[in-house]
Structure formats: structure tokens, C-alpha cells
PDB file of N, CA and C in Angstrom:
ATOM      1  N   UNK A   1       9.740  -4.530  -6.576  1.00  0.00           N
ATOM      2  CA  UNK A   1       8.428  -4.991  -6.143  1.00  0.00           C
ATOM      3  C   UNK A   1       7.606  -5.282  -7.386  1.00  0.00           C
ATOM      4  N   UNK A   2       7.145  -6.522  -7.519  1.00  0.00           N
ATOM      5  CA  UNK A   2       6.375  -6.922  -8.689  1.00  0.00           C
ATOM      6  C   UNK A   2       4.877  -6.664  -8.538  1.00  0.00           C
ATOM      7  N   UNK A   3       4.433  -6.249  -7.375  1.00  0.00           N
ATOM      8  CA  UNK A   3       3.003  -6.076  -7.145  1.00  0.00           C
ATOM      9  C   UNK A   3       2.560  -4.715  -7.668  1.00  0.00           C
ATOM     10  N   UNK A   4       1.492  -4.732  -8.458  1.00  0.00           N
ATOM     11  CA  UNK A   4       0.948  -3.480  -8.984  1.00  0.00           C
ATOM     12  C   UNK A   4      -0.538  -3.415  -8.643  1.00  0.00           C
ATOM     13  N   UNK A   5      -1.016  -2.201  -8.468  1.00  0.00           N
ATOM     14  CA  UNK A   5      -2.424  -2.002  -8.146  1.00  0.00           C
ATOM     15  C   UNK A   5      -3.301  -2.282  -9.349  1.00  0.00           C
ATOM     16  N   UNK A   6      -4.473  -2.777  -9.093  1.00  0.00           N
ATOM     17  CA  UNK A   6      -5.456  -3.045 -10.134  1.00  0.00           C
ATOM     18  C   UNK A   6      -5.860  -1.731 -10.796  1.00  0.00           C
ATOM     19  N   UNK A   7      -6.004  -1.752 -12.087  1.00  0.00           N
ATOM     20  CA  UNK A   7      -6.444  -0.554 -12.803  1.00  0.00           C
ATOM     21  C   UNK A   7      -7.908  -0.266 -12.475  1.00  0.00           C
ATOM     22  N   UNK A   8      -8.257   1.011 -12.439  1.00  0.00           N
ATOM     23  CA  UNK A   8      -9.636   1.410 -12.225  1.00  0.00           C
ATOM     24  C   UNK A   8     -10.015   1.653 -10.778  1.00  0.00           C
ATOM     25  N   UNK A   9      -9.093   1.393  -9.847  1.00  0.00           N
ATOM     26  CA  UNK A   9      -9.399   1.670  -8.453  1.00  0.00           C
ATOM     27  C   UNK A   9      -9.538   3.177  -8.251  1.00  0.00           C
ATOM     28  N   UNK A  10     -10.462   3.561  -7.397  1.00  0.00           N
ATOM     29  CA  UNK A  10     -10.600   4.964  -7.030  1.00  0.00           C
ATOM     30  C   UNK A  10      -9.946   5.136  -5.670  1.00  0.00           C
ATOM     31  N   UNK A  11      -8.919   5.965  -5.626  1.00  0.00           N
ATOM     32  CA  UNK A  11      -8.140   6.152  -4.400  1.00  0.00           C
ATOM     33  C   UNK A  11      -8.216   7.615  -4.010  1.00  0.00           C
ATOM     34  N   UNK A  12      -8.663   7.870  -2.778  1.00  0.00           N
ATOM     35  CA  UNK A  12      -8.841   9.243  -2.312  1.00  0.00           C
ATOM     36  C   UNK A  12      -8.218   9.400  -0.928  1.00  0.00           C
ATOM     37  N   UNK A  13      -7.389  10.412  -0.791  1.00  0.00           N
ATOM     38  CA  UNK A  13      -6.814  10.718   0.514  1.00  0.00           C
ATOM     39  C   UNK A  13      -7.810  11.573   1.285  1.00  0.00           C
ATOM     40  N   UNK A  14      -8.078  11.166   2.526  1.00  0.00           N
ATOM     41  CA  UNK A  14      -8.982  11.894   3.408  1.00  0.00           C
ATOM     42  C   UNK A  14      -8.236  12.114   4.719  1.00  0.00           C
ATOM     43  N   UNK A  15      -7.846  13.351   4.965  1.00  0.00           N
ATOM     44  CA  UNK A  15      -7.015  13.720   6.114  1.00  0.00           C
ATOM     45  C   UNK A  15      -5.758  12.857   6.076  1.00  0.00           C
ATOM     46  N   UNK A  16      -5.521  11.986   7.074  1.00  0.00           N
ATOM     47  CA  UNK A  16      -4.309  11.165   7.111  1.00  0.00           C
ATOM     48  C   UNK A  16      -4.549   9.740   6.639  1.00  0.00           C
ATOM     49  N   UNK A  17      -5.733   9.464   6.133  1.00  0.00           N
ATOM     50  CA  UNK A  17      -6.063   8.124   5.682  1.00  0.00           C
ATOM     51  C   UNK A  17      -6.281   8.110   4.178  1.00  0.00           C
ATOM     52  N   UNK A  18      -6.345   6.910   3.637  1.00  0.00           N
ATOM     53  CA  UNK A  18      -6.658   6.729   2.228  1.00  0.00           C
ATOM     54  C   UNK A  18      -7.834   5.765   2.138  1.00  0.00           C
ATOM     55  N   UNK A  19      -8.784   6.115   1.285  1.00  0.00           N
ATOM     56  CA  UNK A  19      -9.922   5.242   1.010  1.00  0.00           C
ATOM     57  C   UNK A  19      -9.749   4.709  -0.406  1.00  0.00           C
ATOM     58  N   UNK A  20      -9.864   3.393  -0.536  1.00  0.00           N
ATOM     59  CA  UNK A  20      -9.768   2.732  -1.839  1.00  0.00           C
ATOM     60  C   UNK A  20     -11.146   2.170  -2.166  1.00  0.00           C
ATOM     61  N   UNK A  21     -11.685   2.551  -3.299  1.00  0.00           N
ATOM     62  CA  UNK A  21     -12.972   2.028  -3.750  1.00  0.00           C
ATOM     63  C   UNK A  21     -12.733   1.140  -4.959  1.00  0.00           C
ATOM     64  N   UNK A  22     -13.273  -0.071  -4.884  1.00  0.00           N
ATOM     65  CA  UNK A  22     -13.219  -1.004  -6.004  1.00  0.00           C
ATOM     66  C   UNK A  22     -14.555  -0.849  -6.716  1.00  0.00           C
ATOM     67  N   UNK A  23     -14.594  -0.105  -7.824  1.00  0.00           N
ATOM     68  CA  UNK A  23     -15.871   0.242  -8.445  1.00  0.00           C
ATOM     69  C   UNK A  23     -16.691  -0.940  -8.966  1.00  0.00           C
ATOM     70  N   UNK A  24     -16.051  -2.033  -9.371  1.00  0.00           N
ATOM     71  CA  UNK A  24     -16.797  -3.175  -9.889  1.00  0.00           C
ATOM     72  C   UNK A  24     -17.659  -3.824  -8.809  1.00  0.00           C
ATOM     73  N   UNK A  25     -17.126  -3.924  -7.605  1.00  0.00           N
ATOM     74  CA  UNK A  25     -17.849  -4.586  -6.521  1.00  0.00           C
ATOM     75  C   UNK A  25     -18.533  -3.594  -5.587  1.00  0.00           C
ATOM     76  N   UNK A  26     -18.039  -2.349  -5.576  1.00  0.00           N
ATOM     77  CA  UNK A  26     -18.560  -1.363  -4.636  1.00  0.00           C
ATOM     78  C   UNK A  26     -17.908  -1.451  -3.268  1.00  0.00           C
ATOM     79  N   UNK A  27     -16.967  -2.374  -3.116  1.00  0.00           N
ATOM     80  CA  UNK A  27     -16.271  -2.517  -1.840  1.00  0.00           C
ATOM     81  C   UNK A  27     -15.283  -1.369  -1.657  1.00  0.00           C
ATOM     82  N   UNK A  28     -15.130  -0.960  -0.395  1.00  0.00           N
ATOM     83  CA  UNK A  28     -14.121   0.058  -0.124  1.00  0.00           C
ATOM     84  C   UNK A  28     -13.285  -0.351   1.070  1.00  0.00           C
ATOM     85  N   UNK A  29     -12.079   0.165   1.093  1.00  0.00           N
ATOM     86  CA  UNK A  29     -11.083  -0.182   2.093  1.00  0.00           C
ATOM     87  C   UNK A  29     -10.447   1.106   2.582  1.00  0.00           C
ATOM     88  N   UNK A  30     -10.079   1.128   3.848  1.00  0.00           N
ATOM     89  CA  UNK A  30      -9.456   2.310   4.431  1.00  0.00           C
ATOM     90  C   UNK A  30      -8.065   1.936   4.946  1.00  0.00           C
ATOM     91  N   UNK A  31      -7.103   2.778   4.645  1.00  0.00           N
ATOM     92  CA  UNK A  31      -5.741   2.601   5.149  1.00  0.00           C
ATOM     93  C   UNK A  31      -5.427   3.720   6.118  1.00  0.00           C
ATOM     94  N   UNK A  32      -4.748   3.392   7.208  1.00  0.00           N
ATOM     95  CA  UNK A  32      -4.328   4.428   8.155  1.00  0.00           C
ATOM     96  C   UNK A  32      -3.176   5.242   7.567  1.00  0.00           C
ATOM     97  N   UNK A  33      -2.653   6.156   8.323  1.00  0.00           N
ATOM     98  CA  UNK A  33      -1.616   7.078   7.839  1.00  0.00           C
ATOM     99  C   UNK A  33      -0.401   6.344   7.292  1.00  0.00           C
ATOM    100  N   UNK A  34       0.059   5.320   7.997  1.00  0.00           N
ATOM    101  CA  UNK A  34       1.250   4.605   7.546  1.00  0.00           C
ATOM    102  C   UNK A  34       0.936   3.766   6.310  1.00  0.00           C
ATOM    103  N   UNK A  35      -0.200   3.095   6.314  1.00  0.00           N
ATOM    104  CA  UNK A  35      -0.610   2.336   5.132  1.00  0.00           C
ATOM    105  C   UNK A  35      -0.767   3.240   3.930  1.00  0.00           C
ATOM    106  N   UNK A  36      -1.314   4.435   4.167  1.00  0.00           N
ATOM    107  CA  UNK A  36      -1.497   5.405   3.088  1.00  0.00           C
ATOM    108  C   UNK A  36      -0.142   5.823   2.510  1.00  0.00           C
ATOM    109  N   UNK A  37       0.812   6.044   3.390  1.00  0.00           N
ATOM    110  CA  UNK A  37       2.155   6.435   2.947  1.00  0.00           C
ATOM    111  C   UNK A  37       2.813   5.307   2.160  1.00  0.00           C
ATOM    112  N   UNK A  38       2.641   4.079   2.633  1.00  0.00           N
ATOM    113  CA  UNK A  38       3.200   2.927   1.916  1.00  0.00           C
ATOM    114  C   UNK A  38       2.591   2.816   0.519  1.00  0.00           C
ATOM    115  N   UNK A  39       1.272   2.965   0.437  1.00  0.00           N
ATOM    116  CA  UNK A  39       0.591   2.864  -0.853  1.00  0.00           C
ATOM    117  C   UNK A  39       1.052   3.974  -1.799  1.00  0.00           C
ATOM    118  N   UNK A  40       1.169   5.170  -1.277  1.00  0.00           N
ATOM    119  CA  UNK A  40       1.610   6.301  -2.098  1.00  0.00           C
ATOM    120  C   UNK A  40       2.993   6.044  -2.678  1.00  0.00           C
ATOM    121  N   UNK A  41       3.890   5.547  -1.834  1.00  0.00           N
ATOM    122  CA  UNK A  41       5.255   5.282  -2.292  1.00  0.00           C
ATOM    123  C   UNK A  41       5.295   4.104  -3.266  1.00  0.00           C
ATOM    124  N   UNK A  42       4.440   3.120  -3.039  1.00  0.00           N
ATOM    125  CA  UNK A  42       4.334   1.992  -3.967  1.00  0.00           C
ATOM    126  C   UNK A  42       3.888   2.493  -5.337  1.00  0.00           C
ATOM    127  N   UNK A  43       2.917   3.400  -5.356  1.00  0.00           N
ATOM    128  CA  UNK A  43       2.427   3.965  -6.612  1.00  0.00           C
ATOM    129  C   UNK A  43       3.520   4.765  -7.321  1.00  0.00           C
ATOM    130  N   UNK A  44       4.443   5.326  -6.557  1.00  0.00           N
ATOM    131  CA  UNK A  44       5.545   6.099  -7.141  1.00  0.00           C
ATOM    132  C   UNK A  44       6.643   5.194  -7.684  1.00  0.00           C
ATOM    133  N   UNK A  45       6.494   3.873  -7.480  1.00  0.00           N
ATOM    134  CA  UNK A  45       7.469   2.926  -8.006  1.00  0.00           C
ATOM    135  C   UNK A  45       8.671   2.698  -7.111  1.00  0.00           C
ATOM    136  N   UNK A  46       8.603   3.118  -5.850  1.00  0.00           N
ATOM    137  CA  UNK A  46       9.730   2.908  -4.943  1.00  0.00           C
ATOM    138  C   UNK A  46       9.833   1.437  -4.575  1.00  0.00           C
ATOM    139  N   UNK A  47      11.046   1.015  -4.290  1.00  0.00           N
ATOM    140  CA  UNK A  47      11.287  -0.375  -3.907  1.00  0.00           C
ATOM    141  C   UNK A  47      10.811  -0.623  -2.482  1.00  0.00           C
ATOM    142  N   UNK A  48      10.601  -1.884  -2.166  1.00  0.00           N
ATOM    143  CA  UNK A  48      10.192  -2.266  -0.810  1.00  0.00           C
ATOM    144  C   UNK A  48      11.233  -1.805   0.204  1.00  0.00           C
ATOM    145  N   UNK A  49      12.512  -1.945  -0.129  1.00  0.00           N
ATOM    146  CA  UNK A  49      13.573  -1.531   0.785  1.00  0.00           C
ATOM    147  C   UNK A  49      13.548  -0.021   1.021  1.00  0.00           C
ATOM    148  N   UNK A  50      13.334   0.755  -0.039  1.00  0.00           N
ATOM    149  CA  UNK A  50      13.288   2.217   0.091  1.00  0.00           C
ATOM    150  C   UNK A  50      12.082   2.639   0.930  1.00  0.00           C
ATOM    151  N   UNK A  51      10.946   1.998   0.709  1.00  0.00           N
ATOM    152  CA  UNK A  51       9.737   2.320   1.466  1.00  0.00           C
ATOM    153  C   UNK A  51       9.943   1.983   2.935  1.00  0.00           C
ATOM    154  N   UNK A  52      10.491   0.796   3.193  1.00  0.00           N
ATOM    155  CA  UNK A  52      10.741   0.358   4.564  1.00  0.00           C
ATOM    156  C   UNK A  52      11.671   1.319   5.295  1.00  0.00           C
ATOM    157  N   UNK A  53      12.746   1.700   4.656  1.00  0.00           N
ATOM    158  CA  UNK A  53      13.715   2.606   5.269  1.00  0.00           C
ATOM    159  C   UNK A  53      13.087   3.963   5.567  1.00  0.00           C
ATOM    160  N   UNK A  54      12.394   4.532   4.601  1.00  0.00           N
ATOM    161  CA  UNK A  54      11.810   5.864   4.788  1.00  0.00           C
ATOM    162  C   UNK A  54      10.772   5.875   5.912  1.00  0.00           C
ATOM    163  N   UNK A  55       9.901   4.877   5.941  1.00  0.00           N
ATOM    164  CA  UNK A  55       8.858   4.823   6.985  1.00  0.00           C
ATOM    165  C   UNK A  55       9.503   4.607   8.349  1.00  0.00           C
ATOM    166  N   UNK A  56      10.504   3.744   8.382  1.00  0.00           N
ATOM    167  CA  UNK A  56      11.217   3.469   9.625  1.00  0.00           C
ATOM    168  C   UNK A  56      11.821   4.750  10.205  1.00  0.00           C
ATOM    169  N   UNK A  57      12.455   5.529   9.354  1.00  0.00           N
ATOM    170  CA  UNK A  57      13.076   6.784   9.802  1.00  0.00           C
ATOM    171  C   UNK A  57      12.033   7.832  10.167  1.00  0.00           C
ATOM    172  N   UNK A  58      10.959   7.928   9.394  1.00  0.00           N
ATOM    173  CA  UNK A  58       9.924   8.940   9.633  1.00  0.00           C
ATOM    174  C   UNK A  58       9.200   8.698  10.949  1.00  0.00           C
ATOM    175  N   UNK A  59       8.894   7.440  11.252  1.00  0.00           N
ATOM    176  CA  UNK A  59       8.091   7.130  12.434  1.00  0.00           C
ATOM    177  C   UNK A  59       8.900   6.533  13.578  1.00  0.00           C
ATOM    178  N   UNK A  60      10.214   6.477  13.421  1.00  0.00           N
ATOM    179  CA  UNK A  60      11.127   6.004  14.463  1.00  0.00           C
ATOM    180  C   UNK A  60      10.748   4.607  14.972  1.00  0.00           C
ATOM    181  N   UNK A  61      10.562   3.690  14.039  1.00  0.00           N
ATOM    182  CA  UNK A  61      10.304   2.287  14.358  1.00  0.00           C
ATOM    183  C   UNK A  61      11.328   1.445  13.612  1.00  0.00           C
ATOM    184  N   UNK A  62      11.465   0.195  14.021  1.00  0.00           N
ATOM    185  CA  UNK A  62      12.475  -0.643  13.386  1.00  0.00           C
ATOM    186  C   UNK A  62      12.067  -1.011  11.961  1.00  0.00           C
ATOM    187  N   UNK A  63      13.067  -1.238  11.147  1.00  0.00           N
ATOM    188  CA  UNK A  63      12.802  -1.650   9.769  1.00  0.00           C
ATOM    189  C   UNK A  63      12.097  -3.007   9.744  1.00  0.00           C
ATOM    190  N   UNK A  64      12.382  -3.855  10.720  1.00  0.00           N
ATOM    191  CA  UNK A  64      11.734  -5.160  10.790  1.00  0.00           C
ATOM    192  C   UNK A  64      10.224  -5.003  10.967  1.00  0.00           C
ATOM    193  N   UNK A  65       9.816  -4.089  11.867  1.00  0.00           N
ATOM    194  CA  UNK A  65       8.386  -3.838  12.084  1.00  0.00           C
ATOM    195  C   UNK A  65       7.723  -3.301  10.825  1.00  0.00           C
ATOM    196  N   UNK A  66       8.388  -2.371  10.180  1.00  0.00           N
ATOM    197  CA  UNK A  66       7.834  -1.767   8.965  1.00  0.00           C
ATOM    198  C   UNK A  66       7.719  -2.811   7.867  1.00  0.00           C
ATOM    199  N   UNK A  67       8.748  -3.642   7.735  1.00  0.00           N
ATOM    200  CA  UNK A  67       8.718  -4.676   6.688  1.00  0.00           C
ATOM    201  C   UNK A  67       7.555  -5.645   6.921  1.00  0.00           C
ATOM    202  N   UNK A  68       7.305  -6.005   8.177  1.00  0.00           N
ATOM    203  CA  UNK A  68       6.178  -6.886   8.495  1.00  0.00           C
ATOM    204  C   UNK A  68       4.854  -6.222   8.118  1.00  0.00           C
ATOM    205  N   UNK A  69       4.711  -4.947   8.476  1.00  0.00           N
ATOM    206  CA  UNK A  69       3.483  -4.218   8.154  1.00  0.00           C
ATOM    207  C   UNK A  69       3.308  -4.064   6.645  1.00  0.00           C
ATOM    208  N   UNK A  70       4.399  -3.792   5.940  1.00  0.00           N
ATOM    209  CA  UNK A  70       4.349  -3.610   4.498  1.00  0.00           C
ATOM    210  C   UNK A  70       3.964  -4.925   3.812  1.00  0.00           C
ATOM    211  N   UNK A  71       4.555  -6.026   4.272  1.00  0.00           N
ATOM    212  CA  UNK A  71       4.227  -7.336   3.723  1.00  0.00           C
ATOM    213  C   UNK A  71       2.753  -7.656   3.953  1.00  0.00           C
ATOM    214  N   UNK A  72       2.253  -7.340   5.143  1.00  0.00           N
ATOM    215  CA  UNK A  72       0.842  -7.570   5.448  1.00  0.00           C
ATOM    216  C   UNK A  72      -0.053  -6.734   4.530  1.00  0.00           C
ATOM    217  N   UNK A  73       0.312  -5.471   4.322  1.00  0.00           N
ATOM    218  CA  UNK A  73      -0.461  -4.601   3.431  1.00  0.00           C
ATOM    219  C   UNK A  73      -0.513  -5.192   2.020  1.00  0.00           C
ATOM    220  N   UNK A  74       0.624  -5.604   1.501  1.00  0.00           N
ATOM    221  CA  UNK A  74       0.676  -6.168   0.157  1.00  0.00           C
ATOM    222  C   UNK A  74      -0.151  -7.450   0.060  1.00  0.00           C
ATOM    223  N   UNK A  75      -0.066  -8.271   1.090  1.00  0.00           N
ATOM    224  CA  UNK A  75      -0.836  -9.513   1.129  1.00  0.00           C
ATOM    225  C   UNK A  75      -2.335  -9.221   1.105  1.00  0.00           C
ATOM    226  N   UNK A  76      -2.763  -8.236   1.903  1.00  0.00           N
ATOM    227  CA  UNK A  76      -4.181  -7.874   1.967  1.00  0.00           C
ATOM    228  C   UNK A  76      -4.665  -7.265   0.649  1.00  0.00           C
ATOM    229  N   UNK A  77      -3.849  -6.430   0.031  1.00  0.00           N
ATOM    230  CA  UNK A  77      -4.227  -5.847  -1.263  1.00  0.00           C
ATOM    231  C   UNK A  77      -4.442  -6.949  -2.294  1.00  0.00           C
ATOM    232  N   UNK A  78      -3.533  -7.912  -2.305  1.00  0.00           N
ATOM    233  CA  UNK A  78      -3.640  -9.007  -3.266  1.00  0.00           C
ATOM    234  C   UNK A  78      -4.841  -9.903  -2.931  1.00  0.00           C
ATOM    235  N   UNK A  79      -5.022 -10.202  -1.668  1.00  0.00           N
ATOM    236  CA  UNK A  79      -6.125 -11.060  -1.227  1.00  0.00           C
ATOM    237  C   UNK A  79      -7.487 -10.500  -1.640  1.00  0.00           C
ATOM    238  N   UNK A  80      -7.624  -9.177  -1.585  1.00  0.00           N
ATOM    239  CA  UNK A  80      -8.891  -8.532  -1.915  1.00  0.00           C
ATOM    240  C   UNK A  80      -8.994  -8.153  -3.398  1.00  0.00           C
ATOM    241  N   UNK A  81      -8.007  -8.576  -4.196  1.00  0.00           N
ATOM    242  CA  UNK A  81      -8.051  -8.330  -5.631  1.00  0.00           C
ATOM    243  C   UNK A  81      -7.743  -6.894  -6.016  1.00  0.00           C
ATOM    244  N   UNK A  82      -7.073  -6.157  -5.113  1.00  0.00           N
ATOM    245  CA  UNK A  82      -6.739  -4.760  -5.389  1.00  0.00           C
ATOM    246  C   UNK A  82      -5.362  -4.611  -6.020  1.00  0.00           C
ATOM    247  N   UNK A  83      -4.603  -5.697  -6.022  1.00  0.00           N
ATOM    248  CA  UNK A  83      -3.264  -5.679  -6.602  1.00  0.00           C
ATOM    249  C   UNK A  83      -2.959  -7.084  -7.122  1.00  0.00           C
ATOM    250  N   UNK A  84      -2.022  -7.146  -8.019  1.00  0.00           N
ATOM    251  CA  UNK A  84      -1.610  -8.433  -8.572  1.00  0.00           C
ATOM    252  C   UNK A  84      -0.133  -8.376  -8.931  1.00  0.00           C
ATOM    253  N   UNK A  85       0.445  -9.547  -9.103  1.00  0.00           N
ATOM    254  CA  UNK A  85       1.855  -9.604  -9.484  1.00  0.00           C
ATOM    255  C   UNK A  85       1.977  -9.290 -10.962  1.00  0.00           C
ATOM    256  N   UNK A  86       2.913  -8.416 -11.264  1.00  0.00           N
ATOM    257  CA  UNK A  86       3.161  -8.016 -12.640  1.00  0.00           C
ATOM    258  C   UNK A  86       4.007  -9.076 -13.319  1.00  0.00           C
ATOM    259  N   UNK A  87       3.616  -9.450 -14.519  1.00  0.00           N
ATOM    260  CA  UNK A  87       4.397 -10.430 -15.277  1.00  0.00           C
ATOM    261  C   UNK A  87       5.726  -9.811 -15.679  1.00  0.00           C
ATOM    262  N   UNK A  88       6.776 -10.588 -15.536  1.00  0.00           N
ATOM    263  CA  UNK A  88       8.109 -10.075 -15.902  1.00  0.00           C
ATOM    264  C   UNK A  88       8.600 -10.674 -17.175  1.00  0.00           C
TER     265      UNK A  88
END
């Protein structure tokens, strides 16, 4: 996965959710339990396939559904300037 989170984001877990604060703009975003788990695993450097498999097994949903949700999460993070593609 070439997508990396923007430096300087403030990320706080609150119960089963994660709140992301973009300090430059003051905007904040909330992720539900599954989004929070995906973000945590992304931060740990896990591959998209590993994240998809683990979430699929943990929540008993198809890998196809998880992959769609994960792709949407990554798209939204990038769209809001919270992540960018890492140069290779």
C-alpha cells in the first residue's frame, strides 16, 4: 500500500471509534469501529490484503465487502488531504 497518512494529524481513539483532527484546518473526522481498525492496521504497515483478510475474519463478512470499504476509506482519506501516495 503506497498511501501514507499526512504528518501532524492528531488521532485519538474514543471507545470504538477514532477521531482524526487536521490541526492546520481544524477539521475533524470520525471513523467507526471497522474504519478505526483499518486505520490502525494501515499505520502498522500491514498490506491491503492482510487488512482485508483480518477484518473479514474478525467480523464474518466477505473479503469483497471489506475491500470495497477499505478502498472507500483510502479514497476519502486522500480526498480530504489526510493521506497521500508515497513516492517510490
